[in-house]
Amino acid sequence: MWSWVLHRVTGATIFFFLFVHVLDTALVRVSPEAYNAIIDTYKTPIIGLMEMGLVVAVLYHALNGIRIILIDFWQHGPKYQRLMLWIVLGVWISVFIAALGVMGMHMAERFL
């Protein structure tokens, strides 16, 4: 059940990010000065942490989505769904630790 809830939450988070991204990108045609002001706010440490959260959300949503597809379309999917959940969590943790390490180095470089 928690994987179902987390899948929905990460999907909504990704949708919200895409909505904001389209709006701020469209702002460049309306007012380049306002666009530049918005982009400057994205260079703060808080937004850097939000970017890290977005990476974690996208990774989980993508990997769990593959698991859901396998459960739905593979004849043995329901039988192995719990094993696939543990595999997804293992891959997710290892990939997001590596990704956060790289992002953390870039953030430290930018802010220190």
C-alpha atoms as a PDB file:
ATOM      1  CA  MET A   1       0.000   0.000   0.000  1.00  0.00           C
ATOM      2  CA  TRP A   2       2.804   2.449   0.805  1.00  0.00           C
ATOM      3  CA  SER A   3       4.349   1.985  -2.633  1.00  0.00           C
ATOM      4  CA  TRP A   4       0.945   2.874  -4.124  1.00  0.00           C
ATOM      5  CA  VAL A   5       0.699   6.031  -1.978  1.00  0.00           C
ATOM      6  CA  LEU A   6       4.285   7.055  -2.705  1.00  0.00           C
ATOM      7  CA  HIS A   7       3.753   6.487  -6.427  1.00  0.00           C
ATOM      8  CA  ARG A   8       0.765   8.883  -6.391  1.00  0.00           C
ATOM      9  CA  VAL A   9       2.575  11.483  -4.282  1.00  0.00           C
ATOM     10  CA  THR A  10       5.669  11.440  -6.508  1.00  0.00           C
ATOM     11  CA  GLY A  11       3.462  11.651  -9.607  1.00  0.00           C
ATOM     12  CA  ALA A  12       1.671  14.717  -8.242  1.00  0.00           C
ATOM     13  CA  THR A  13       5.004  16.282  -7.273  1.00  0.00           C
ATOM     14  CA  ILE A  14       6.422  15.740 -10.752  1.00  0.00           C
ATOM     15  CA  PHE A  15       3.240  17.167 -12.315  1.00  0.00           C
ATOM     16  CA  PHE A  16       3.499  20.267 -10.104  1.00  0.00           C
ATOM     17  CA  PHE A  17       7.152  20.742 -11.105  1.00  0.00           C
ATOM     18  CA  LEU A  18       6.311  20.426 -14.803  1.00  0.00           C
ATOM     19  CA  PHE A  19       3.462  22.932 -14.419  1.00  0.00           C
ATOM     20  CA  VAL A  20       5.755  25.484 -12.732  1.00  0.00           C
ATOM     21  CA  HIS A  21       8.504  24.792 -15.265  1.00  0.00           C
ATOM     22  CA  VAL A  22       6.194  25.506 -18.205  1.00  0.00           C
ATOM     23  CA  LEU A  23       4.955  28.702 -16.555  1.00  0.00           C
ATOM     24  CA  ASP A  24       8.408  30.072 -15.764  1.00  0.00           C
ATOM     25  CA  THR A  25       9.704  29.193 -19.218  1.00  0.00           C
ATOM     26  CA  ALA A  26       6.720  30.917 -20.832  1.00  0.00           C
ATOM     27  CA  LEU A  27       7.521  34.006 -18.766  1.00  0.00           C
ATOM     28  CA  VAL A  28      10.540  34.736 -20.985  1.00  0.00           C
ATOM     29  CA  ARG A  29       8.182  35.826 -23.801  1.00  0.00           C
ATOM     30  CA  VAL A  30       6.197  38.097 -21.492  1.00  0.00           C
ATOM     31  CA  SER A  31       9.011  39.766 -19.566  1.00  0.00           C
ATOM     32  CA  PRO A  32      12.665  38.773 -19.868  1.00  0.00           C
ATOM     33  CA  GLU A  33      13.451  40.784 -16.708  1.00  0.00           C
ATOM     34  CA  ALA A  34      10.878  38.849 -14.693  1.00  0.00           C
ATOM     35  CA  TYR A  35      12.204  35.598 -16.156  1.00  0.00           C
ATOM     36  CA  ASN A  36      15.749  36.500 -15.082  1.00  0.00           C
ATOM     37  CA  ALA A  37      14.493  37.367 -11.581  1.00  0.00           C
ATOM     38  CA  ILE A  38      12.787  33.984 -11.302  1.00  0.00           C
ATOM     39  CA  ILE A  39      15.889  32.177 -12.545  1.00  0.00           C
ATOM     40  CA  ASP A  40      17.969  34.016  -9.925  1.00  0.00           C
ATOM     41  CA  THR A  41      15.679  32.686  -7.182  1.00  0.00           C
ATOM     42  CA  TYR A  42      16.372  29.165  -8.455  1.00  0.00           C
ATOM     43  CA  LYS A  43      20.032  29.578  -7.527  1.00  0.00           C
ATOM     44  CA  THR A  44      19.365  29.396  -3.773  1.00  0.00           C
ATOM     45  CA  PRO A  45      20.224  26.482  -1.475  1.00  0.00           C
ATOM     46  CA  ILE A  46      16.538  25.828  -0.702  1.00  0.00           C
ATOM     47  CA  ILE A  47      15.769  25.345  -4.385  1.00  0.00           C
ATOM     48  CA  GLY A  48      18.851  23.103  -4.603  1.00  0.00           C
ATOM     49  CA  LEU A  49      17.338  20.887  -1.913  1.00  0.00           C
ATOM     50  CA  MET A  50      14.041  20.892  -3.794  1.00  0.00           C
ATOM     51  CA  GLU A  51      15.923  19.790  -6.940  1.00  0.00           C
ATOM     52  CA  MET A  52      17.352  16.896  -4.968  1.00  0.00           C
ATOM     53  CA  GLY A  53      13.850  15.981  -3.832  1.00  0.00           C
ATOM     54  CA  LEU A  54      12.688  16.105  -7.431  1.00  0.00           C
ATOM     55  CA  VAL A  55      15.445  13.697  -8.479  1.00  0.00           C
ATOM     56  CA  VAL A  56      14.443  11.312  -5.684  1.00  0.00           C
ATOM     57  CA  ALA A  57      10.774  11.559  -6.736  1.00  0.00           C
ATOM     58  CA  VAL A  58      11.454  11.009 -10.444  1.00  0.00           C
ATOM     59  CA  LEU A  59      13.706   8.017  -9.740  1.00  0.00           C
ATOM     60  CA  TYR A  60      11.148   6.339  -7.476  1.00  0.00           C
ATOM     61  CA  HIS A  61       8.242   7.087  -9.805  1.00  0.00           C
ATOM     62  CA  ALA A  62      10.094   5.712 -12.839  1.00  0.00           C
ATOM     63  CA  LEU A  63      11.337   2.545 -11.153  1.00  0.00           C
ATOM     64  CA  ASN A  64       8.015   1.815  -9.475  1.00  0.00           C
ATOM     65  CA  GLY A  65       6.268   2.487 -12.779  1.00  0.00           C
ATOM     66  CA  ILE A  66       8.350  -0.235 -14.401  1.00  0.00           C
ATOM     67  CA  ARG A  67       7.352  -2.572 -11.557  1.00  0.00           C
ATOM     68  CA  ILE A  68       3.669  -1.729 -12.068  1.00  0.00           C
ATOM     69  CA  ILE A  69       3.960  -2.408 -15.797  1.00  0.00           C
ATOM     70  CA  LEU A  70       5.554  -5.777 -15.065  1.00  0.00           C
ATOM     71  CA  ILE A  71       2.810  -6.660 -12.581  1.00  0.00           C
ATOM     72  CA  ASP A  72       0.134  -5.756 -15.136  1.00  0.00           C
ATOM     73  CA  PHE A  73       1.608  -7.250 -18.300  1.00  0.00           C
ATOM     74  CA  TRP A  74       3.896 -10.103 -17.219  1.00  0.00           C
ATOM     75  CA  GLN A  75       2.122 -13.340 -16.452  1.00  0.00           C
ATOM     76  CA  HIS A  76       4.300 -13.942 -13.378  1.00  0.00           C
ATOM     77  CA  GLY A  77       4.140 -10.295 -12.269  1.00  0.00           C
ATOM     78  CA  PRO A  78       1.641 -10.698  -9.427  1.00  0.00           C
ATOM     79  CA  LYS A  79       3.574 -13.690  -8.076  1.00  0.00           C
ATOM     80  CA  TYR A  80       6.848 -11.733  -7.907  1.00  0.00           C
ATOM     81  CA  GLN A  81       5.456  -8.303  -7.048  1.00  0.00           C
ATOM     82  CA  ARG A  82       6.914  -8.270  -3.516  1.00  0.00           C
ATOM     83  CA  LEU A  83      10.365  -9.309  -4.751  1.00  0.00           C
ATOM     84  CA  MET A  84      10.185  -6.662  -7.464  1.00  0.00           C
ATOM     85  CA  LEU A  85       9.305  -4.064  -4.812  1.00  0.00           C
ATOM     86  CA  TRP A  86      12.458  -4.900  -2.862  1.00  0.00           C
ATOM     87  CA  ILE A  87      14.528  -4.787  -6.047  1.00  0.00           C
ATOM     88  CA  VAL A  88      13.037  -1.391  -6.949  1.00  0.00           C
ATOM     89  CA  LEU A  89      13.780  -0.063  -3.462  1.00  0.00           C
ATOM     90  CA  GLY A  90      17.358  -1.361  -3.600  1.00  0.00           C
ATOM     91  CA  VAL A  91      18.026   0.151  -7.012  1.00  0.00           C
ATOM     92  CA  TRP A  92      16.268   3.372  -6.006  1.00  0.00           C
ATOM     93  CA  ILE A  93      18.337   3.807  -2.847  1.00  0.00           C
ATOM     94  CA  SER A  94      21.647   3.095  -4.555  1.00  0.00           C
ATOM     95  CA  VAL A  95      20.933   5.362  -7.533  1.00  0.00           C
ATOM     96  CA  PHE A  96      19.570   8.239  -5.485  1.00  0.00           C
ATOM     97  CA  ILE A  97      22.526   8.119  -3.084  1.00  0.00           C
ATOM     98  CA  ALA A  98      24.871   8.411  -6.065  1.00  0.00           C
ATOM     99  CA  ALA A  99      22.754  11.162  -7.641  1.00  0.00           C
ATOM    100  CA  LEU A 100      22.536  13.128  -4.408  1.00  0.00           C
ATOM    101  CA  GLY A 101      26.289  12.807  -3.980  1.00  0.00           C
ATOM    102  CA  VAL A 102      26.912  14.325  -7.394  1.00  0.00           C
ATOM    103  CA  MET A 103      24.291  17.030  -6.867  1.00  0.00           C
ATOM    104  CA  GLY A 104      25.687  17.762  -3.402  1.00  0.00           C
ATOM    105  CA  MET A 105      29.177  18.270  -4.828  1.00  0.00           C
ATOM    106  CA  HIS A 106      27.806  20.703  -7.406  1.00  0.00           C
ATOM    107  CA  MET A 107      25.808  22.557  -4.745  1.00  0.00           C
ATOM    108  CA  ALA A 108      28.839  22.808  -2.467  1.00  0.00           C
ATOM    109  CA  GLU A 109      30.870  24.102  -5.377  1.00  0.00           C
ATOM    110  CA  ARG A 110      28.228  26.716  -6.159  1.00  0.00           C
ATOM    111  CA  PHE A 111      27.512  27.928  -2.618  1.00  0.00           C
ATOM    112  CA  LEU A 112      30.871  27.619  -0.851  1.00  0.00           C
END
